[in-house]
Protein backbone atom coordinates (compact mmCIF):
# COMPACT_ATOMS: atom_id res chain seq x y z
CA MET A 1 -17.70 8.66 4.28
CA ALA A 2 -20.37 10.03 1.97
CA GLY A 3 -19.71 13.55 0.83
CA LEU A 4 -15.92 13.56 1.05
CA LYS A 5 -14.34 15.01 -2.07
CA TYR A 6 -10.83 14.72 -3.44
CA MET A 7 -8.60 16.24 -6.10
CA SER A 8 -6.89 13.95 -8.58
CA GLY A 9 -3.15 13.79 -9.27
CA PHE A 10 0.26 13.06 -7.76
CA GLY A 11 2.48 15.98 -6.74
CA ASN A 12 0.27 18.49 -8.52
CA GLU A 13 0.11 22.20 -7.75
CA PHE A 14 -3.27 22.19 -6.03
CA ALA A 15 -5.29 25.22 -4.91
CA ASN A 16 -8.44 24.88 -2.82
CA GLU A 17 -10.61 26.73 -0.36
CA ASP A 18 -13.51 25.70 1.86
CA PRO A 19 -16.74 26.74 0.08
CA ARG A 20 -18.00 28.19 3.36
CA CYS A 21 -15.45 30.99 2.92
CA PRO A 22 -15.38 31.96 -0.77
CA GLY A 23 -12.41 34.10 -1.77
CA SER A 24 -10.31 32.99 1.20
CA LEU A 25 -7.38 32.03 -1.04
CA PRO A 26 -5.26 35.15 -1.68
CA GLU A 27 -4.81 36.13 -5.32
CA GLY A 28 -1.53 37.21 -6.84
CA GLN A 29 0.66 36.66 -3.78
CA ASN A 30 1.28 34.13 -1.01
CA ASN A 31 1.63 36.35 2.06
CA PRO A 32 -0.40 39.57 1.83
CA GLN A 33 -0.21 42.01 4.71
CA VAL A 34 -3.88 41.33 5.38
CA CYS A 35 -5.21 37.93 4.25
CA PRO A 36 -8.89 37.49 3.36
CA TYR A 37 -11.09 36.99 6.44
CA GLY A 38 -8.10 38.03 8.61
CA LEU A 39 -6.46 34.60 8.21
CA TYR A 40 -2.83 33.85 9.03
CA ALA A 41 -0.53 32.71 6.19
CA GLU A 42 1.88 29.86 6.90
CA GLN A 43 4.20 28.00 4.59
CA LEU A 44 4.80 24.27 5.23
CA SER A 45 8.05 23.20 3.57
CA GLY A 46 8.79 19.61 2.65
CA SER A 47 12.19 20.41 1.17
CA ALA A 48 14.93 23.01 1.34
CA PHE A 49 14.07 26.37 -0.21
CA THR A 50 16.80 25.92 -2.82
CA CYS A 51 15.92 22.40 -3.99
CA PRO A 52 15.52 22.09 -7.77
CA ARG A 53 12.04 22.98 -8.93
CA SER A 54 11.29 19.34 -9.78
CA THR A 55 11.86 18.27 -6.15
CA ASN A 56 10.80 21.42 -4.31
CA LYS A 57 7.89 20.65 -1.97
CA ARG A 58 5.85 23.29 -0.14
CA SER A 59 2.30 24.41 0.54
CA TRP A 60 0.80 27.65 1.80
CA LEU A 61 -1.88 27.30 4.47
CA TYR A 62 -4.32 30.05 5.51
CA ARG A 63 -5.44 29.51 9.11
CA ILE A 64 -7.77 31.07 11.62
CA LEU A 65 -5.00 30.97 14.27
CA PRO A 66 -1.26 30.33 13.77
CA SER A 67 0.03 26.85 14.56
CA VAL A 68 2.76 28.23 16.86
CA ARG A 69 0.18 29.38 19.41
CA HIS A 70 0.60 26.57 21.91
CA LYS A 71 2.25 25.87 25.24
CA PRO A 72 5.77 24.34 25.39
CA PHE A 73 6.26 20.70 24.44
CA THR A 74 7.09 18.27 27.21
CA PRO A 75 8.32 14.64 26.94
CA MET A 76 5.75 11.89 27.14
CA SER A 77 5.86 8.09 27.23
CA CYS A 78 6.76 6.51 23.89
CA GLY A 79 5.06 3.22 24.74
CA ASP A 80 6.11 0.62 22.17
CA LEU A 81 7.40 3.24 19.72
CA THR A 82 11.18 3.27 19.23
CA GLU A 83 14.07 3.53 16.81
CA ASN A 84 16.74 2.13 19.13
CA TRP A 85 17.72 -0.91 17.08
CA ASN A 86 20.62 -1.78 19.42
CA GLU A 87 18.29 -3.13 22.09
CA VAL A 88 18.36 -6.52 20.38
CA GLU A 89 20.97 -8.40 18.39
CA PRO A 90 20.63 -8.65 14.61
CA ASP A 91 18.91 -11.80 13.37
CA PRO A 92 19.42 -12.85 9.73
CA ASN A 93 16.74 -15.54 9.91
CA GLN A 94 13.29 -15.27 8.44
CA LEU A 95 10.75 -14.41 11.12
CA ARG A 96 6.99 -14.37 11.23
CA TRP A 97 4.46 -13.49 13.89
CA LYS A 98 0.83 -13.92 14.76
CA PRO A 99 -1.53 -10.97 14.20
CA PHE A 100 -1.21 -8.25 16.81
CA ILE A 101 -4.13 -8.46 19.21
CA ILE A 102 -6.56 -5.54 19.08
CA PRO A 103 -7.61 -4.54 22.62
CA LYS A 104 -11.32 -4.69 23.39
CA SER A 105 -12.79 -1.24 23.93
CA SER A 106 -14.73 -2.57 26.92
CA GLU A 107 -11.44 -3.47 28.59
CA ASN A 108 -9.05 -0.73 27.46
CA LYS A 109 -9.64 2.24 25.20
CA VAL A 110 -6.69 2.62 22.83
CA ASP A 111 -6.38 5.31 20.17
CA PHE A 112 -4.06 5.49 17.15
CA ILE A 113 -1.12 7.00 19.03
CA SER A 114 -1.20 4.73 22.08
CA GLY A 115 -1.71 1.75 19.75
CA LEU A 116 1.56 2.22 17.84
CA HIS A 117 4.06 -0.66 18.07
CA THR A 118 7.45 -0.57 16.36
CA VAL A 119 8.30 -3.90 14.73
CA CYS A 120 11.64 -3.27 13.03
CA GLY A 121 13.76 -0.74 11.21
CA ALA A 122 17.20 0.55 10.33
CA GLY A 123 19.02 3.89 10.35
CA ASP A 124 17.60 6.74 12.41
CA SER A 125 15.79 10.03 12.15
CA LYS A 126 18.70 12.06 13.48
CA SER A 127 20.90 11.25 10.49
CA ARG A 128 17.89 11.64 8.17
CA ASN A 129 18.48 8.21 6.64
CA GLY A 130 16.50 5.08 7.36
CA ILE A 131 13.14 3.47 7.89
CA ALA A 132 10.89 2.07 10.59
CA ILE A 133 7.99 -0.35 10.42
CA HIS A 134 5.13 0.06 12.89
CA MET A 135 1.83 -1.65 13.61
CA TYR A 136 -1.20 0.20 14.91
CA THR A 137 -3.98 -1.49 16.85
CA CYS A 138 -6.76 0.71 18.21
CA ASN A 139 -10.42 0.75 19.11
CA THR A 140 -11.08 4.42 19.96
CA SER A 141 -10.98 7.63 17.97
CA MET A 142 -8.55 10.40 18.86
CA THR A 143 -10.52 13.01 20.80
CA ASP A 144 -9.16 16.57 20.98
CA LYS A 145 -5.76 15.18 20.02
CA CYS A 146 -3.62 15.20 16.89
CA PHE A 147 -0.29 13.71 15.82
CA GLN A 148 2.61 15.32 13.98
CA ASN A 149 5.67 13.45 12.72
CA ALA A 150 8.73 15.68 12.53
CA ASP A 151 10.96 12.70 11.66
CA GLY A 152 9.59 11.52 8.32
CA ASP A 153 6.69 10.39 6.19
CA PHE A 154 4.05 7.85 7.25
CA LEU A 155 2.73 5.43 4.63
CA ILE A 156 -0.33 3.90 6.31
CA VAL A 157 -1.80 0.56 5.20
CA PRO A 158 -5.11 -0.36 6.90
CA GLN A 159 -5.53 -4.11 7.31
CA GLN A 160 -8.73 -4.24 9.39
CA GLY A 161 -11.23 -1.44 9.71
CA GLU A 162 -11.50 1.84 7.86
CA ILE A 163 -9.99 5.01 9.27
CA LEU A 164 -11.10 8.61 8.87
CA ILE A 165 -8.03 10.85 8.81
CA THR A 166 -8.53 14.55 9.45
CA THR A 167 -5.59 16.68 8.32
CA GLU A 168 -4.88 20.37 8.03
CA PHE A 169 -5.61 19.97 4.30
CA GLY A 170 -8.95 18.18 4.67
CA LYS A 171 -10.39 14.74 5.39
CA MET A 172 -9.65 11.31 3.90
CA MET A 173 -11.47 8.03 4.42
CA VAL A 174 -8.98 5.19 4.02
CA GLU A 175 -10.21 1.60 3.82
CA PRO A 176 -8.42 -1.75 3.66
CA ASN A 177 -6.91 -2.16 0.19
CA GLU A 178 -6.16 1.56 0.16
CA ILE A 179 -3.04 3.36 1.37
CA CYS A 180 -2.41 6.92 2.43
CA VAL A 181 0.70 9.03 2.93
CA ILE A 182 0.94 11.70 5.63
CA GLN A 183 4.09 13.64 4.89
CA GLN A 184 6.54 15.04 7.41
CA GLY A 185 5.28 17.92 9.54
CA MET A 186 1.57 17.50 8.79
CA ARG A 187 -0.83 17.29 11.71
CA PHE A 188 -3.56 14.68 11.59
CA SER A 189 -6.12 12.88 13.74
CA VAL A 190 -7.53 9.36 13.27
CA ASP A 191 -11.14 8.31 13.85
CA VAL A 192 -11.98 4.60 13.91
CA PHE A 193 -15.26 2.70 13.79
CA GLY A 194 -14.47 -0.42 15.76
CA GLU A 195 -11.48 -2.70 16.23
CA THR A 196 -8.83 -1.45 13.83
CA ARG A 197 -5.39 -2.65 12.79
CA GLY A 198 -2.84 -1.77 10.14
CA TYR A 199 0.76 -1.18 9.18
CA ILE A 200 2.92 1.93 8.81
CA LEU A 201 6.08 2.37 6.77
CA GLU A 202 8.04 5.39 7.99
CA VAL A 203 10.90 6.83 5.94
CA PHE A 204 13.46 9.35 7.17
CA GLY A 205 15.09 11.92 4.91
CA ALA A 206 13.14 11.25 1.71
CA HIS A 207 9.63 11.53 0.33
CA PHE A 208 7.75 8.89 -1.60
CA GLU A 209 7.75 9.21 -5.38
CA LEU A 210 6.33 7.33 -8.31
CA PRO A 211 8.92 4.97 -9.82
CA ASP A 212 10.36 5.74 -13.23
CA LEU A 213 8.70 3.66 -15.95
CA GLY A 214 11.60 3.38 -18.41
CA PRO A 215 10.71 1.22 -21.43
CA ILE A 216 7.24 0.53 -19.98
CA GLY A 217 6.36 3.91 -21.43
CA ALA A 218 4.13 6.77 -20.33
CA ASN A 219 1.42 4.67 -18.64
CA GLY A 220 1.25 1.78 -16.21
CA LEU A 221 1.77 0.71 -12.59
CA ALA A 222 0.31 3.41 -10.30
CA ASN A 223 -1.04 6.11 -12.59
CA PRO A 224 -0.80 9.68 -11.19
CA ARG A 225 -4.47 10.45 -11.85
CA ASP A 226 -5.56 7.74 -9.38
CA PHE A 227 -3.97 9.44 -6.36
CA GLN A 228 -6.40 11.55 -4.35
CA THR A 229 -5.76 14.65 -2.24
CA PRO A 230 -8.42 15.99 0.16
CA VAL A 231 -10.19 19.28 -0.42
CA ALA A 232 -10.00 22.08 2.12
CA TRP A 233 -12.08 21.69 5.27
CA TYR A 234 -11.81 23.57 8.54
CA GLU A 235 -13.32 23.78 12.00
CA ASP A 236 -13.31 26.95 14.09
CA ARG A 237 -13.50 25.25 17.45
CA THR A 238 -12.32 26.38 20.88
CA VAL A 239 -11.34 23.59 23.27
CA ALA A 240 -11.51 25.00 26.79
CA THR A 241 -10.30 21.74 28.35
CA GLY A 242 -7.22 21.74 26.13
CA TYR A 243 -6.32 20.25 22.76
CA THR A 244 -3.28 17.92 22.78
CA VAL A 245 -0.69 18.02 20.00
CA VAL A 246 1.64 15.00 20.03
CA ASN A 247 4.91 15.48 18.17
CA LYS A 248 7.34 12.72 17.17
CA TYR A 249 10.82 14.25 17.16
CA GLN A 250 14.12 12.34 16.88
CA GLY A 251 12.34 9.10 17.73
CA LYS A 252 10.74 10.44 20.94
CA LEU A 253 7.24 11.67 21.68
CA PHE A 254 6.43 15.11 23.05
CA SER A 255 3.08 16.77 23.76
CA CYS A 256 1.78 20.28 24.18
CA GLN A 257 -1.54 21.93 24.91
CA GLN A 258 -3.48 24.59 23.05
CA ASP A 259 -7.04 25.87 23.34
CA PHE A 260 -8.19 25.45 19.72
CA SER A 261 -8.40 22.82 17.00
CA PRO A 262 -5.36 22.76 14.66
CA PHE A 263 -7.64 21.86 11.75
CA ASN A 264 -8.45 25.51 11.15
CA VAL A 265 -7.01 25.84 7.64
CA VAL A 266 -9.66 27.59 5.53
CA ALA A 267 -7.70 27.54 2.26
CA TRP A 268 -4.40 26.23 0.94
CA HIS A 269 -2.34 25.83 -2.20
CA GLY A 270 0.84 23.94 -3.08
CA ASN A 271 2.28 20.54 -3.95
CA TYR A 272 3.13 19.24 -0.46
CA THR A 273 -0.01 17.43 0.66
CA PRO A 274 -1.38 14.23 2.17
CA TYR A 275 -2.83 11.78 -0.34
CA LYS A 276 -4.39 8.34 -0.69
CA TYR A 277 -4.46 5.60 -3.33
CA ASN A 278 -6.66 2.58 -4.01
CA LEU A 279 -4.51 -0.48 -4.74
CA GLU A 280 -7.26 -1.83 -7.02
CA ASN A 281 -6.20 0.85 -9.52
CA PHE A 282 -2.68 -0.54 -9.87
CA MET A 283 -2.03 -1.57 -13.48
CA ALA A 284 0.04 -4.73 -13.13
CA ILE A 285 2.70 -5.54 -15.71
CA ASN A 286 3.37 -9.25 -16.14
CA CYS A 287 5.19 -11.78 -18.31
CA VAL A 288 3.29 -13.38 -21.19
CA ALA A 289 6.03 -15.59 -22.64
CA PHE A 290 8.39 -17.31 -20.20
CA ASP A 291 10.14 -16.75 -16.84
CA HIS A 292 9.20 -14.20 -14.19
CA ALA A 293 9.96 -10.51 -14.49
CA ASP A 294 11.79 -8.94 -11.54
CA PRO A 295 9.49 -7.89 -8.66
CA SER A 296 10.37 -4.22 -9.19
CA ILE A 297 7.63 -4.10 -11.84
CA PHE A 298 5.12 -4.14 -8.96
CA THR A 299 6.45 -0.96 -7.29
CA VAL A 300 3.73 1.48 -6.27
CA LEU A 301 5.88 4.10 -4.51
CA THR A 302 9.59 4.49 -3.87
CA ALA A 303 11.67 6.60 -1.47
CA LYS A 304 14.97 7.17 -3.23
CA SER A 305 18.39 7.24 -1.59
CA THR A 306 21.30 9.39 -2.73
CA ARG A 307 22.64 6.43 -4.70
CA PRO A 308 21.09 6.29 -8.18
CA GLY A 309 18.86 3.27 -8.68
CA VAL A 310 18.87 2.31 -4.98
CA ALA A 311 15.92 3.14 -2.73
CA ILE A 312 15.67 3.59 1.01
CA ALA A 313 12.35 1.77 0.71
CA ASP A 314 10.09 0.53 -2.07
CA PHE A 315 6.40 -0.11 -1.54
CA VAL A 316 5.59 -3.12 -3.72
CA ILE A 317 2.35 -5.07 -4.13
CA PHE A 318 1.53 -8.42 -5.69
CA PRO A 319 -2.08 -7.82 -6.79
CA PRO A 320 -4.51 -10.28 -8.35
CA ARG A 321 -3.36 -10.91 -11.91
CA TRP A 322 -3.09 -13.57 -14.58
CA GLY A 323 0.15 -15.56 -14.82
CA VAL A 324 0.36 -17.20 -18.24
CA ALA A 325 4.07 -17.82 -18.84
CA ASP A 326 5.15 -21.16 -20.35
CA HIS A 327 7.91 -23.45 -19.09
CA THR A 328 8.06 -21.54 -15.79
CA PHE A 329 7.12 -22.36 -12.22
CA ARG A 330 4.13 -20.41 -10.91
CA PRO A 331 6.05 -19.12 -7.82
CA PRO A 332 8.83 -16.58 -8.46
CA TYR A 333 12.42 -17.69 -8.72
CA TYR A 334 14.81 -18.10 -5.77
CA HIS A 335 17.32 -15.31 -5.40
CA SER A 336 19.83 -13.79 -2.96
CA ASN A 337 20.51 -10.08 -2.54
CA ALA A 338 24.08 -8.81 -2.59
CA LEU A 339 22.88 -5.37 -1.44
CA LYS A 340 21.65 -6.77 1.90
CA ILE A 341 18.07 -6.01 0.94
CA LYS A 342 15.51 -6.95 3.60
CA ARG A 343 11.82 -7.58 3.08
CA PHE A 344 8.85 -7.02 5.30
CA ILE A 345 5.90 -8.89 3.81
CA LEU A 346 2.32 -8.42 4.92
CA ILE A 347 -0.97 -9.83 3.68
CA ILE A 348 -3.92 -7.48 3.33
CA SER A 349 -6.26 -10.05 1.81
CA ILE A 350 -6.12 -13.36 -0.01
CA ILE A 351 -8.18 -13.88 -3.11
CA LEU A 352 -8.47 -17.37 -4.60
CA LYS A 353 -10.84 -17.54 -7.52
CA SER A 354 -11.03 -20.53 -9.83
CA ASN A 355 -12.40 -20.21 -13.32
CA PRO A 356 -14.06 -23.50 -14.30
CA SER A 357 -13.14 -22.88 -17.91
CA SER A 358 -9.50 -22.14 -17.21
CA ASP A 359 -6.54 -23.84 -15.61
CA TYR A 360 -5.34 -20.54 -14.20
CA GLN A 361 -6.14 -18.92 -10.89
CA ARG A 362 -5.98 -15.31 -9.84
CA VAL A 363 -4.03 -15.44 -6.64
CA ASN A 364 -3.11 -13.48 -3.55
CA LYS A 365 -2.78 -9.82 -2.81
CA ILE A 366 0.41 -9.28 -0.88
CA VAL A 367 2.21 -6.09 0.01
CA ASN A 368 5.98 -6.32 0.01
CA TRP A 369 8.16 -3.60 1.48
CA ILE A 370 11.74 -3.85 0.24
CA PHE A 371 14.46 -2.07 2.17
CA THR A 372 18.03 -1.39 1.12
CA MET A 373 19.31 -0.68 4.60
CA THR A 374 21.97 -2.83 6.22
CA SER A 375 19.98 -4.63 8.88
CA LEU A 376 16.49 -5.58 9.92
CA LYS A 377 15.92 -6.24 13.61
CA SER A 378 12.91 -7.50 15.48
CA HIS A 379 11.84 -5.29 18.36
CA GLN A 380 9.51 -5.00 21.32
CA ALA A 381 8.20 -7.54 23.78
CA GLU A 382 4.94 -7.70 21.84
CA VAL A 383 6.82 -8.85 18.76
CA LYS A 384 9.01 -11.27 20.69
CA LYS A 385 5.90 -12.83 22.16
CA ASN A 386 4.29 -13.25 18.76
CA VAL A 387 7.34 -14.18 16.71
CA LYS A 388 7.57 -17.77 15.63
CA GLY A 389 11.00 -18.72 14.38
CA ALA A 390 10.41 -19.58 10.79
CA LYS A 391 13.74 -20.93 9.63
CA THR A 392 13.42 -22.37 6.18
CA ALA A 393 15.78 -23.48 3.48
CA THR A 394 14.47 -20.82 1.15
CA LYS A 395 16.86 -18.00 0.39
CA ASP A 396 15.47 -14.52 0.10
């Protein structure tokens, strides 16, 4: 969307205020007795208060009305959203499925929340350890409704159609070939502009980080400066008919009503924010002599576990790049994983470009989510209907 602005950096200490209210960000303290413009100060914590400074995540938000001013939450239908992996038996075989069908708006209006479908996962939100993979298929914007995930972080990957995400921190336009992360506890609403589909990686108990570069050096892969955080934007809007807040808590959905928009944050500062990233900016590292390097060199973001060197989930891409190694097959090597690693592979786009003056081709753009949990289980009738048993002799 024209006119949207962003701040550059990953995990920075940002400070921003809506230009319509200059001086709305308090100076010298976080919680003055009287905030500028009579705003309410709220701290949103993404970590324990006593976490080391390097991992301490929090932001201060200055709102027109406090977020706690709402009616009680009540349970609501979860639809195809779940984290009960015991509903089906584990299946070690490779599986694939046809694209999820996007409902026609003329037949059934479906927004982002009602269009969520859980595909697979492991662990659970109650123990704060695990992941879930969801699809979203929708054709209608969320009207007077927002979503809040109390269980973990959402990494959203649009596959068809751009989405406009309004958060308490500001607005982000996210297009196919871009990703965005909405961290735990942040409220957001999704506007769409037609038939829309994408993927979501949800992690419990950890936040996404940039991978360590080791001997690669100071630069490469996803550079921090290419991540974008929205600037402050607010609306002071009363909703007499009721504004719905949907909360995901311990794998279940709950809703409550309030009479105002939650996107009433006039100013904020901190390092716990939503952000987006364009995958075109990924600086691929590749072999120029022989053999293939391990796929970990294509890691964009990682959610670390408590075991050093082992992640709950890695977000990995195989972007267009030159492969010039000698005495090596073009496809990567076969391998088996002793750590019971499972992969969820999705295709955002396929690019096949031949250079008449070269024998090499720049090939596909594939996103590869690698999990180090103990099992990966297909779920939901929608998935069962679309799954085609793809048993091959290839080990993974």
